[in-house]
Amino acid sequence: MAFWNSTPKRRLDPPPMAHSDARAEEILSVWSSPGGGNQFVIRIEEEDPVVWGLLLVDAARHVALAYGVRGVDSRRVLDRIREGFDVEWSHPTDTPVIIDPGTPKGPTN
C-alpha cells in the first residue's frame, strides 16, 4: 500500500516544542523516495542506546494515533508496525551506510 502523492511535500514543519523549549534539538531526520529507499540523519545525544528503543516505540504510537485520526483502528496499526519491525529485524531489506555530510551525492564508506 503506497501513501505517496505526486506533489512533493519536502520538509515537515517543526513541532511546537522546537519553538517553546530552547533545549529541544532535532535528533532524527528521515527522507524517503518511492522506490529509492530511505536515508537517515541521526545525532547521538544519549549514552545509552535504550533511549532509541523508547523513541521508536513512541514514534510507532504517534503513527498509530495519526492513523486513528483518519478512522483506522490504532491497535491494528500498532500490530502492523510490529509485524513490519519483526520482518525487517529478521530479514533486512537495507544495509546502513555512513553518508558523508559534505557530499550531497550520497553514501560513502
PDB file of N, CA and C in Angstrom:
ATOM      1  N   MET A   1       0.844  -1.161   0.000  1.00  0.00           N
ATOM      2  CA  MET A   1       0.000   0.000   0.000  1.00  0.00           C
ATOM      3  C   MET A   1       0.896   1.233   0.000  1.00  0.00           C
ATOM      4  N   ALA A   2       0.691   2.157  -0.920  1.00  0.00           N
ATOM      5  CA  ALA A   2       1.507   3.361  -1.019  1.00  0.00           C
ATOM      6  C   ALA A   2       0.721   4.570  -0.534  1.00  0.00           C
ATOM      7  N   PHE A   3       1.415   5.465   0.128  1.00  0.00           N
ATOM      8  CA  PHE A   3       0.790   6.678   0.621  1.00  0.00           C
ATOM      9  C   PHE A   3       1.461   7.903   0.013  1.00  0.00           C
ATOM     10  N   TRP A   4       1.975   7.780  -1.194  1.00  0.00           N
ATOM     11  CA  TRP A   4       2.709   8.859  -1.830  1.00  0.00           C
ATOM     12  C   TRP A   4       1.779   9.710  -2.674  1.00  0.00           C
ATOM     13  N   ASN A   5       1.967  11.004  -2.620  1.00  0.00           N
ATOM     14  CA  ASN A   5       1.280  11.929  -3.517  1.00  0.00           C
ATOM     15  C   ASN A   5       2.242  12.330  -4.610  1.00  0.00           C
ATOM     16  N   SER A   6       1.714  12.821  -5.729  1.00  0.00           N
ATOM     17  CA  SER A   6       2.590  13.267  -6.798  1.00  0.00           C
ATOM     18  C   SER A   6       3.191  14.632  -6.480  1.00  0.00           C
ATOM     19  N   THR A   7       2.601  15.364  -5.544  1.00  0.00           N
ATOM     20  CA  THR A   7       3.118  16.668  -5.148  1.00  0.00           C
ATOM     21  C   THR A   7       4.165  16.489  -4.056  1.00  0.00           C
ATOM     22  N   PRO A   8       5.396  16.969  -4.306  1.00  0.00           N
ATOM     23  CA  PRO A   8       6.432  16.802  -3.289  1.00  0.00           C
ATOM     24  C   PRO A   8       6.106  17.608  -2.039  1.00  0.00           C
ATOM     25  N   LYS A   9       6.293  16.993  -0.885  1.00  0.00           N
ATOM     26  CA  LYS A   9       5.998  17.650   0.380  1.00  0.00           C
ATOM     27  C   LYS A   9       7.258  18.271   0.985  1.00  0.00           C
ATOM     28  N   ARG A  10       8.393  17.718   0.674  1.00  0.00           N
ATOM     29  CA  ARG A  10       9.686  18.144   1.200  1.00  0.00           C
ATOM     30  C   ARG A  10       9.724  18.081   2.723  1.00  0.00           C
ATOM     31  N   ARG A  11      10.192  19.128   3.380  1.00  0.00           N
ATOM     32  CA  ARG A  11      10.378  19.107   4.836  1.00  0.00           C
ATOM     33  C   ARG A  11       9.079  19.275   5.605  1.00  0.00           C
ATOM     34  N   LEU A  12       9.004  18.606   6.749  1.00  0.00           N
ATOM     35  CA  LEU A  12       7.886  18.794   7.672  1.00  0.00           C
ATOM     36  C   LEU A  12       8.157  20.028   8.533  1.00  0.00           C
ATOM     37  N   ASP A  13       7.101  20.652   9.003  1.00  0.00           N
ATOM     38  CA  ASP A  13       7.256  21.770   9.934  1.00  0.00           C
ATOM     39  C   ASP A  13       7.713  21.236  11.284  1.00  0.00           C
ATOM     40  N   PRO A  14       8.544  21.993  11.991  1.00  0.00           N
ATOM     41  CA  PRO A  14       8.954  21.560  13.329  1.00  0.00           C
ATOM     42  C   PRO A  14       7.755  21.558  14.282  1.00  0.00           C
ATOM     43  N   PRO A  15       7.794  20.682  15.292  1.00  0.00           N
ATOM     44  CA  PRO A  15       6.709  20.651  16.274  1.00  0.00           C
ATOM     45  C   PRO A  15       6.796  21.862  17.208  1.00  0.00           C
ATOM     46  N   PRO A  16       5.722  22.127  17.956  1.00  0.00           N
ATOM     47  CA  PRO A  16       5.718  23.277  18.871  1.00  0.00           C
ATOM     48  C   PRO A  16       6.907  23.302  19.843  1.00  0.00           C
ATOM     49  N   MET A  17       7.337  22.122  20.327  1.00  0.00           N
ATOM     50  CA  MET A  17       8.462  22.061  21.258  1.00  0.00           C
ATOM     51  C   MET A  17       9.712  22.739  20.697  1.00  0.00           C
ATOM     52  N   ALA A  18       9.906  22.663  19.399  1.00  0.00           N
ATOM     53  CA  ALA A  18      11.088  23.251  18.779  1.00  0.00           C
ATOM     54  C   ALA A  18      11.141  24.761  18.990  1.00  0.00           C
ATOM     55  N   HIS A  19       9.986  25.369  19.148  1.00  0.00           N
ATOM     56  CA  HIS A  19       9.913  26.816  19.333  1.00  0.00           C
ATOM     57  C   HIS A  19       9.793  27.210  20.802  1.00  0.00           C
ATOM     58  N   SER A  20       9.222  26.338  21.621  1.00  0.00           N
ATOM     59  CA  SER A  20       8.939  26.708  23.011  1.00  0.00           C
ATOM     60  C   SER A  20      10.008  26.271  24.008  1.00  0.00           C
ATOM     61  N   ASP A  21      10.866  25.326  23.633  1.00  0.00           N
ATOM     62  CA  ASP A  21      11.881  24.813  24.546  1.00  0.00           C
ATOM     63  C   ASP A  21      13.256  25.027  23.930  1.00  0.00           C
ATOM     64  N   ALA A  22      14.014  25.948  24.490  1.00  0.00           N
ATOM     65  CA  ALA A  22      15.332  26.284  23.940  1.00  0.00           C
ATOM     66  C   ALA A  22      16.298  25.098  23.978  1.00  0.00           C
ATOM     67  N   ARG A  23      16.015  24.090  24.801  1.00  0.00           N
ATOM     68  CA  ARG A  23      16.886  22.919  24.893  1.00  0.00           C
ATOM     69  C   ARG A  23      16.549  21.849  23.857  1.00  0.00           C
ATOM     70  N   ALA A  24      15.406  21.981  23.192  1.00  0.00           N
ATOM     71  CA  ALA A  24      14.964  20.958  22.233  1.00  0.00           C
ATOM     72  C   ALA A  24      15.881  20.940  21.015  1.00  0.00           C
ATOM     73  N   GLU A  25      16.226  19.728  20.572  1.00  0.00           N
ATOM     74  CA  GLU A  25      17.085  19.544  19.404  1.00  0.00           C
ATOM     75  C   GLU A  25      16.512  18.462  18.500  1.00  0.00           C
ATOM     76  N   GLU A  26      16.713  18.627  17.219  1.00  0.00           N
ATOM     77  CA  GLU A  26      16.332  17.581  16.272  1.00  0.00           C
ATOM     78  C   GLU A  26      17.408  16.497  16.336  1.00  0.00           C
ATOM     79  N   ILE A  27      16.979  15.240  16.546  1.00  0.00           N
ATOM     80  CA  ILE A  27      17.959  14.149  16.659  1.00  0.00           C
ATOM     81  C   ILE A  27      17.800  13.112  15.557  1.00  0.00           C
ATOM     82  N   LEU A  28      16.710  13.214  14.784  1.00  0.00           N
ATOM     83  CA  LEU A  28      16.472  12.234  13.732  1.00  0.00           C
ATOM     84  C   LEU A  28      15.720  12.899  12.578  1.00  0.00           C
ATOM     85  N   SER A  29      16.218  12.677  11.395  1.00  0.00           N
ATOM     86  CA  SER A  29      15.532  13.129  10.194  1.00  0.00           C
ATOM     87  C   SER A  29      15.544  11.966   9.210  1.00  0.00           C
ATOM     88  N   VAL A  30      14.398  11.681   8.606  1.00  0.00           N
ATOM     89  CA  VAL A  30      14.293  10.572   7.661  1.00  0.00           C
ATOM     90  C   VAL A  30      13.739  11.110   6.351  1.00  0.00           C
ATOM     91  N   TRP A  31      14.426  10.823   5.268  1.00  0.00           N
ATOM     92  CA  TRP A  31      13.948  11.181   3.926  1.00  0.00           C
ATOM     93  C   TRP A  31      13.696   9.885   3.172  1.00  0.00           C
ATOM     94  N   SER A  32      12.598   9.854   2.453  1.00  0.00           N
ATOM     95  CA  SER A  32      12.198   8.651   1.739  1.00  0.00           C
ATOM     96  C   SER A  32      11.819   9.006   0.309  1.00  0.00           C
ATOM     97  N   SER A  33      12.139   8.107  -0.606  1.00  0.00           N
ATOM     98  CA  SER A  33      11.805   8.285  -2.010  1.00  0.00           C
ATOM     99  C   SER A  33      11.138   7.007  -2.499  1.00  0.00           C
ATOM    100  N   PRO A  34       9.951   7.114  -3.090  1.00  0.00           N
ATOM    101  CA  PRO A  34       9.283   5.902  -3.586  1.00  0.00           C
ATOM    102  C   PRO A  34      10.210   5.092  -4.492  1.00  0.00           C
ATOM    103  N   GLY A  35      10.473   3.863  -4.106  1.00  0.00           N
ATOM    104  CA  GLY A  35      11.349   3.003  -4.883  1.00  0.00           C
ATOM    105  C   GLY A  35      12.822   3.318  -4.713  1.00  0.00           C
ATOM    106  N   GLY A  36      13.147   4.398  -3.990  1.00  0.00           N
ATOM    107  CA  GLY A  36      14.536   4.817  -3.850  1.00  0.00           C
ATOM    108  C   GLY A  36      15.104   4.623  -2.464  1.00  0.00           C
ATOM    109  N   GLY A  37      14.306   4.077  -1.563  1.00  0.00           N
ATOM    110  CA  GLY A  37      14.797   3.806  -0.220  1.00  0.00           C
ATOM    111  C   GLY A  37      14.669   4.991   0.714  1.00  0.00           C
ATOM    112  N   ASN A  38      15.346   4.880   1.839  1.00  0.00           N
ATOM    113  CA  ASN A  38      15.306   5.893   2.881  1.00  0.00           C
ATOM    114  C   ASN A  38      16.722   6.295   3.253  1.00  0.00           C
ATOM    115  N   GLN A  39      16.862   7.529   3.707  1.00  0.00           N
ATOM    116  CA  GLN A  39      18.131   7.977   4.261  1.00  0.00           C
ATOM    117  C   GLN A  39      17.850   8.672   5.586  1.00  0.00           C
ATOM    118  N   PHE A  40      18.714   8.420   6.545  1.00  0.00           N
ATOM    119  CA  PHE A  40      18.550   8.926   7.903  1.00  0.00           C
ATOM    120  C   PHE A  40      19.699   9.852   8.260  1.00  0.00           C
ATOM    121  N   VAL A  41      19.388  10.899   8.992  1.00  0.00           N
ATOM    122  CA  VAL A  41      20.393  11.744   9.623  1.00  0.00           C
ATOM    123  C   VAL A  41      20.126  11.617  11.116  1.00  0.00           C
ATOM    124  N   ILE A  42      21.147  11.180  11.838  1.00  0.00           N
ATOM    125  CA  ILE A  42      20.985  10.873  13.260  1.00  0.00           C
ATOM    126  C   ILE A  42      22.038  11.627  14.065  1.00  0.00           C
ATOM    127  N   ARG A  43      21.593  12.238  15.154  1.00  0.00           N
ATOM    128  CA  ARG A  43      22.501  12.872  16.112  1.00  0.00           C
ATOM    129  C   ARG A  43      22.416  12.057  17.398  1.00  0.00           C
ATOM    130  N   ILE A  44      23.542  11.501  17.815  1.00  0.00           N
ATOM    131  CA  ILE A  44      23.585  10.720  19.045  1.00  0.00           C
ATOM    132  C   ILE A  44      23.823  11.682  20.205  1.00  0.00           C
ATOM    133  N   GLU A  45      22.842  11.808  21.083  1.00  0.00           N
ATOM    134  CA  GLU A  45      22.941  12.704  22.236  1.00  0.00           C
ATOM    135  C   GLU A  45      22.981  11.947  23.553  1.00  0.00           C
ATOM    136  N   GLU A  46      22.489  10.738  23.577  1.00  0.00           N
ATOM    137  CA  GLU A  46      22.413   9.954  24.811  1.00  0.00           C
ATOM    138  C   GLU A  46      23.453   8.839  24.781  1.00  0.00           C
ATOM    139  N   GLU A  47      23.989   8.529  25.958  1.00  0.00           N
ATOM    140  CA  GLU A  47      24.971   7.457  26.067  1.00  0.00           C
ATOM    141  C   GLU A  47      24.347   6.081  25.907  1.00  0.00           C
ATOM    142  N   ASP A  48      23.149   5.897  26.437  1.00  0.00           N
ATOM    143  CA  ASP A  48      22.508   4.586  26.461  1.00  0.00           C
ATOM    144  C   ASP A  48      21.591   4.411  25.249  1.00  0.00           C
ATOM    145  N   PRO A  49      21.870   3.436  24.381  1.00  0.00           N
ATOM    146  CA  PRO A  49      21.039   3.214  23.194  1.00  0.00           C
ATOM    147  C   PRO A  49      19.598   2.822  23.497  1.00  0.00           C
ATOM    148  N   VAL A  50      19.297   2.462  24.763  1.00  0.00           N
ATOM    149  CA  VAL A  50      17.919   2.122  25.102  1.00  0.00           C
ATOM    150  C   VAL A  50      16.992   3.307  24.798  1.00  0.00           C
ATOM    151  N   VAL A  51      17.520   4.511  24.830  1.00  0.00           N
ATOM    152  CA  VAL A  51      16.726   5.700  24.519  1.00  0.00           C
ATOM    153  C   VAL A  51      16.150   5.600  23.108  1.00  0.00           C
ATOM    154  N   TRP A  52      16.904   5.021  22.177  1.00  0.00           N
ATOM    155  CA  TRP A  52      16.400   4.873  20.803  1.00  0.00           C
ATOM    156  C   TRP A  52      15.260   3.863  20.735  1.00  0.00           C
ATOM    157  N   GLY A  53      15.313   2.816  21.566  1.00  0.00           N
ATOM    158  CA  GLY A  53      14.191   1.878  21.627  1.00  0.00           C
ATOM    159  C   GLY A  53      12.928   2.572  22.099  1.00  0.00           C
ATOM    160  N   LEU A  54      13.060   3.406  23.131  1.00  0.00           N
ATOM    161  CA  LEU A  54      11.915   4.163  23.632  1.00  0.00           C
ATOM    162  C   LEU A  54      11.388   5.111  22.565  1.00  0.00           C
ATOM    163  N   LEU A  55      12.299   5.768  21.881  1.00  0.00           N
ATOM    164  CA  LEU A  55      11.924   6.704  20.824  1.00  0.00           C
ATOM    165  C   LEU A  55      11.162   5.999  19.695  1.00  0.00           C
ATOM    166  N   LEU A  56      11.624   4.821  19.298  1.00  0.00           N
ATOM    167  CA  LEU A  56      10.963   4.085  18.219  1.00  0.00           C
ATOM    168  C   LEU A  56       9.557   3.641  18.616  1.00  0.00           C
ATOM    169  N   VAL A  57       9.394   3.220  19.873  1.00  0.00           N
ATOM    170  CA  VAL A  57       8.060   2.839  20.345  1.00  0.00           C
ATOM    171  C   VAL A  57       7.161   4.073  20.403  1.00  0.00           C
ATOM    172  N   ASP A  58       7.695   5.187  20.908  1.00  0.00           N
ATOM    173  CA  ASP A  58       6.914   6.430  20.919  1.00  0.00           C
ATOM    174  C   ASP A  58       6.494   6.814  19.506  1.00  0.00           C
ATOM    175  N   ALA A  59       7.416   6.692  18.553  1.00  0.00           N
ATOM    176  CA  ALA A  59       7.097   7.033  17.155  1.00  0.00           C
ATOM    177  C   ALA A  59       5.981   6.130  16.631  1.00  0.00           C
ATOM    178  N   ALA A  60       6.044   4.841  16.930  1.00  0.00           N
ATOM    179  CA  ALA A  60       5.005   3.915  16.480  1.00  0.00           C
ATOM    180  C   ALA A  60       3.650   4.310  17.047  1.00  0.00           C
ATOM    181  N   ARG A  61       3.626   4.703  18.301  1.00  0.00           N
ATOM    182  CA  ARG A  61       2.360   5.119  18.918  1.00  0.00           C
ATOM    183  C   ARG A  61       1.820   6.405  18.300  1.00  0.00           C
ATOM    184  N   HIS A  62       2.703   7.323  17.963  1.00  0.00           N
ATOM    185  CA  HIS A  62       2.276   8.557  17.295  1.00  0.00           C
ATOM    186  C   HIS A  62       1.723   8.254  15.898  1.00  0.00           C
ATOM    187  N   VAL A  63       2.365   7.330  15.202  1.00  0.00           N
ATOM    188  CA  VAL A  63       1.870   6.926  13.883  1.00  0.00           C
ATOM    189  C   VAL A  63       0.483   6.300  14.015  1.00  0.00           C
ATOM    190  N   ALA A  64       0.316   5.433  14.999  1.00  0.00           N
ATOM    191  CA  ALA A  64      -0.997   4.796  15.227  1.00  0.00           C
ATOM    192  C   ALA A  64      -2.049   5.849  15.542  1.00  0.00           C
ATOM    193  N   LEU A  65      -1.694   6.842  16.332  1.00  0.00           N
ATOM    194  CA  LEU A  65      -2.625   7.923  16.653  1.00  0.00           C
ATOM    195  C   LEU A  65      -3.020   8.681  15.384  1.00  0.00           C
ATOM    196  N   ALA A  66      -2.041   8.953  14.527  1.00  0.00           N
ATOM    197  CA  ALA A  66      -2.326   9.666  13.270  1.00  0.00           C
ATOM    198  C   ALA A  66      -3.269   8.854  12.380  1.00  0.00           C
ATOM    199  N   TYR A  67      -3.056   7.555  12.301  1.00  0.00           N
ATOM    200  CA  TYR A  67      -3.976   6.702  11.544  1.00  0.00           C
ATOM    201  C   TYR A  67      -5.355   6.683  12.196  1.00  0.00           C
ATOM    202  N   GLY A  68      -5.371   6.681  13.527  1.00  0.00           N
ATOM    203  CA  GLY A  68      -6.641   6.700  14.247  1.00  0.00           C
ATOM    204  C   GLY A  68      -7.466   7.928  13.915  1.00  0.00           C
ATOM    205  N   VAL A  69      -6.809   9.070  13.772  1.00  0.00           N
ATOM    206  CA  VAL A  69      -7.499  10.299  13.386  1.00  0.00           C
ATOM    207  C   VAL A  69      -8.157  10.128  12.017  1.00  0.00           C
ATOM    208  N   ARG A  70      -7.557   9.288  11.176  1.00  0.00           N
ATOM    209  CA  ARG A  70      -8.124   9.004   9.847  1.00  0.00           C
ATOM    210  C   ARG A  70      -9.179   7.913   9.881  1.00  0.00           C
ATOM    211  N   GLY A  71      -9.474   7.395  11.074  1.00  0.00           N
ATOM    212  CA  GLY A  71     -10.519   6.396  11.194  1.00  0.00           C
ATOM    213  C   GLY A  71     -10.038   4.957  11.177  1.00  0.00           C
ATOM    214  N   VAL A  72      -8.730   4.755  11.194  1.00  0.00           N
ATOM    215  CA  VAL A  72      -8.172   3.400  11.187  1.00  0.00           C
ATOM    216  C   VAL A  72      -7.944   2.962  12.630  1.00  0.00           C
ATOM    217  N   ASP A  73      -8.231   1.701  12.932  1.00  0.00           N
ATOM    218  CA  ASP A  73      -8.054   1.158  14.271  1.00  0.00           C
ATOM    219  C   ASP A  73      -6.577   1.230  14.678  1.00  0.00           C
ATOM    220  N   SER A  74      -6.289   2.036  15.697  1.00  0.00           N
ATOM    221  CA  SER A  74      -4.898   2.261  16.088  1.00  0.00           C
ATOM    222  C   SER A  74      -4.227   0.996  16.636  1.00  0.00           C
ATOM    223  N   ARG A  75      -4.985   0.098  17.246  1.00  0.00           N
ATOM    224  CA  ARG A  75      -4.394  -1.173  17.716  1.00  0.00           C
ATOM    225  C   ARG A  75      -3.918  -2.010  16.535  1.00  0.00           C
ATOM    226  N   ARG A  76      -4.728  -2.031  15.481  1.00  0.00           N
ATOM    227  CA  ARG A  76      -4.346  -2.771  14.278  1.00  0.00           C
ATOM    228  C   ARG A  76      -3.105  -2.140  13.634  1.00  0.00           C
ATOM    229  N   VAL A  77      -3.058  -0.827  13.665  1.00  0.00           N
ATOM    230  CA  VAL A  77      -1.881  -0.132  13.125  1.00  0.00           C
ATOM    231  C   VAL A  77      -0.635  -0.538  13.907  1.00  0.00           C
ATOM    232  N   LEU A  78      -0.718  -0.533  15.229  1.00  0.00           N
ATOM    233  CA  LEU A  78       0.440  -0.942  16.036  1.00  0.00           C
ATOM    234  C   LEU A  78       0.829  -2.391  15.764  1.00  0.00           C
ATOM    235  N   ASP A  79      -0.155  -3.256  15.590  1.00  0.00           N
ATOM    236  CA  ASP A  79       0.148  -4.650  15.246  1.00  0.00           C
ATOM    237  C   ASP A  79       0.909  -4.729  13.922  1.00  0.00           C
ATOM    238  N   ARG A  80       0.459  -3.969  12.932  1.00  0.00           N
ATOM    239  CA  ARG A  80       1.119  -3.997  11.617  1.00  0.00           C
ATOM    240  C   ARG A  80       2.525  -3.399  11.681  1.00  0.00           C
ATOM    241  N   ILE A  81       2.682  -2.349  12.480  1.00  0.00           N
ATOM    242  CA  ILE A  81       4.021  -1.769  12.650  1.00  0.00           C
ATOM    243  C   ILE A  81       4.939  -2.807  13.280  1.00  0.00           C
ATOM    244  N   ARG A  82       4.457  -3.500  14.285  1.00  0.00           N
ATOM    245  CA  ARG A  82       5.255  -4.533  14.952  1.00  0.00           C
ATOM    246  C   ARG A  82       5.611  -5.651  13.972  1.00  0.00           C
ATOM    247  N   GLU A  83       4.637  -6.059  13.142  1.00  0.00           N
ATOM    248  CA  GLU A  83       4.912  -7.077  12.120  1.00  0.00           C
ATOM    249  C   GLU A  83       6.031  -6.609  11.195  1.00  0.00           C
ATOM    250  N   GLY A  84       5.942  -5.368  10.743  1.00  0.00           N
ATOM    251  CA  GLY A  84       6.979  -4.831   9.863  1.00  0.00           C
ATOM    252  C   GLY A  84       8.325  -4.775  10.543  1.00  0.00           C
ATOM    253  N   PHE A  85       8.335  -4.372  11.804  1.00  0.00           N
ATOM    254  CA  PHE A  85       9.568  -4.317  12.574  1.00  0.00           C
ATOM    255  C   PHE A  85      10.186  -5.702  12.690  1.00  0.00           C
ATOM    256  N   ASP A  86       9.369  -6.698  13.042  1.00  0.00           N
ATOM    257  CA  ASP A  86       9.868  -8.062  13.201  1.00  0.00           C
ATOM    258  C   ASP A  86      10.411  -8.628  11.895  1.00  0.00           C
ATOM    259  N   VAL A  87       9.706  -8.384  10.801  1.00  0.00           N
ATOM    260  CA  VAL A  87      10.165  -8.873   9.491  1.00  0.00           C
ATOM    261  C   VAL A  87      11.490  -8.211   9.118  1.00  0.00           C
ATOM    262  N   GLU A  88      11.560  -6.894   9.270  1.00  0.00           N
ATOM    263  CA  GLU A  88      12.790  -6.175   8.900  1.00  0.00           C
ATOM    264  C   GLU A  88      13.947  -6.573   9.804  1.00  0.00           C
ATOM    265  N   TRP A  89      13.657  -6.808  11.084  1.00  0.00           N
ATOM    266  CA  TRP A  89      14.705  -7.227  12.015  1.00  0.00           C
ATOM    267  C   TRP A  89      15.277  -8.588  11.606  1.00  0.00           C
ATOM    268  N   SER A  90      14.397  -9.505  11.188  1.00  0.00           N
ATOM    269  CA  SER A  90      14.821 -10.861  10.809  1.00  0.00           C
ATOM    270  C   SER A  90      15.405 -10.953   9.409  1.00  0.00           C
ATOM    271  N   HIS A  91      14.883 -10.131   8.486  1.00  0.00           N
ATOM    272  CA  HIS A  91      15.295 -10.183   7.079  1.00  0.00           C
ATOM    273  C   HIS A  91      15.468  -8.760   6.550  1.00  0.00           C
ATOM    274  N   PRO A  92      16.598  -8.115   6.870  1.00  0.00           N
ATOM    275  CA  PRO A  92      16.801  -6.719   6.475  1.00  0.00           C
ATOM    276  C   PRO A  92      16.692  -6.505   4.973  1.00  0.00           C
ATOM    277  N   THR A  93      16.031  -5.407   4.615  1.00  0.00           N
ATOM    278  CA  THR A  93      15.908  -5.026   3.203  1.00  0.00           C
ATOM    279  C   THR A  93      16.867  -3.901   2.859  1.00  0.00           C
ATOM    280  N   ASP A  94      17.688  -3.498   3.837  1.00  0.00           N
ATOM    281  CA  ASP A  94      18.572  -2.359   3.653  1.00  0.00           C
ATOM    282  C   ASP A  94      19.848  -2.598   4.444  1.00  0.00           C
ATOM    283  N   THR A  95      20.940  -2.061   3.947  1.00  0.00           N
ATOM    284  CA  THR A  95      22.201  -2.103   4.668  1.00  0.00           C
ATOM    285  C   THR A  95      22.589  -0.674   5.005  1.00  0.00           C
ATOM    286  N   PRO A  96      22.654  -0.318   6.289  1.00  0.00           N
ATOM    287  CA  PRO A  96      23.014   1.048   6.644  1.00  0.00           C
ATOM    288  C   PRO A  96      24.420   1.402   6.172  1.00  0.00           C
ATOM    289  N   VAL A  97      24.572   2.622   5.739  1.00  0.00           N
ATOM    290  CA  VAL A  97      25.876   3.146   5.333  1.00  0.00           C
ATOM    291  C   VAL A  97      26.036   4.536   5.942  1.00  0.00           C
ATOM    292  N   ILE A  98      27.274   4.960   6.071  1.00  0.00           N
ATOM    293  CA  ILE A  98      27.567   6.313   6.539  1.00  0.00           C
ATOM    294  C   ILE A  98      27.479   7.246   5.339  1.00  0.00           C
ATOM    295  N   ILE A  99      26.737   8.333   5.511  1.00  0.00           N
ATOM    296  CA  ILE A  99      26.615   9.329   4.461  1.00  0.00           C
ATOM    297  C   ILE A  99      27.556  10.467   4.803  1.00  0.00           C
ATOM    298  N   ASP A 100      28.428  10.804   3.884  1.00  0.00           N
ATOM    299  CA  ASP A 100      29.371  11.899   4.086  1.00  0.00           C
ATOM    300  C   ASP A 100      28.598  13.212   4.092  1.00  0.00           C
ATOM    301  N   PRO A 101      28.563  13.903   5.240  1.00  0.00           N
ATOM    302  CA  PRO A 101      27.757  15.121   5.316  1.00  0.00           C
ATOM    303  C   PRO A 101      28.235  16.223   4.384  1.00  0.00           C
ATOM    304  N   GLY A 102      29.471  16.144   3.911  1.00  0.00           N
ATOM    305  CA  GLY A 102      29.980  17.167   2.995  1.00  0.00           C
ATOM    306  C   GLY A 102      29.678  16.896   1.546  1.00  0.00           C
ATOM    307  N   THR A 103      29.050  15.771   1.248  1.00  0.00           N
ATOM    308  CA  THR A 103      28.778  15.388  -0.127  1.00  0.00           C
ATOM    309  C   THR A 103      27.290  15.101  -0.311  1.00  0.00           C
ATOM    310  N   PRO A 104      26.566  15.966  -1.028  1.00  0.00           N
ATOM    311  CA  PRO A 104      25.141  15.720  -1.215  1.00  0.00           C
ATOM    312  C   PRO A 104      24.840  14.573  -2.170  1.00  0.00           C
ATOM    313  N   LYS A 105      25.878  13.969  -2.781  1.00  0.00           N
ATOM    314  CA  LYS A 105      25.667  12.927  -3.773  1.00  0.00           C
ATOM    315  C   LYS A 105      25.267  11.601  -3.176  1.00  0.00           C
ATOM    316  N   GLY A 106      25.549  11.367  -1.899  1.00  0.00           N
ATOM    317  CA  GLY A 106      25.089  10.099  -1.339  1.00  0.00           C
ATOM    318  C   GLY A 106      26.066   9.404  -0.429  1.00  0.00           C
ATOM    319  N   PRO A 107      25.842   8.088  -0.256  1.00  0.00           N
ATOM    320  CA  PRO A 107      26.568   7.331   0.753  1.00  0.00           C
ATOM    321  C   PRO A 107      28.027   7.093   0.402  1.00  0.00           C
ATOM    322  N   THR A 108      28.822   7.024   1.464  1.00  0.00           N
ATOM    323  CA  THR A 108      30.226   6.647   1.360  1.00  0.00           C
ATOM    324  C   THR A 108      30.528   5.688   2.486  1.00  0.00           C
ATOM    325  N   ASN A 109      31.608   4.971   2.380  1.00  0.00           N
ATOM    326  CA  ASN A 109      32.013   4.081   3.473  1.00  0.00           C
ATOM    327  C   ASN A 109      33.190   4.651   4.143  1.00  0.00           C
TER     328      ASN A 109
END
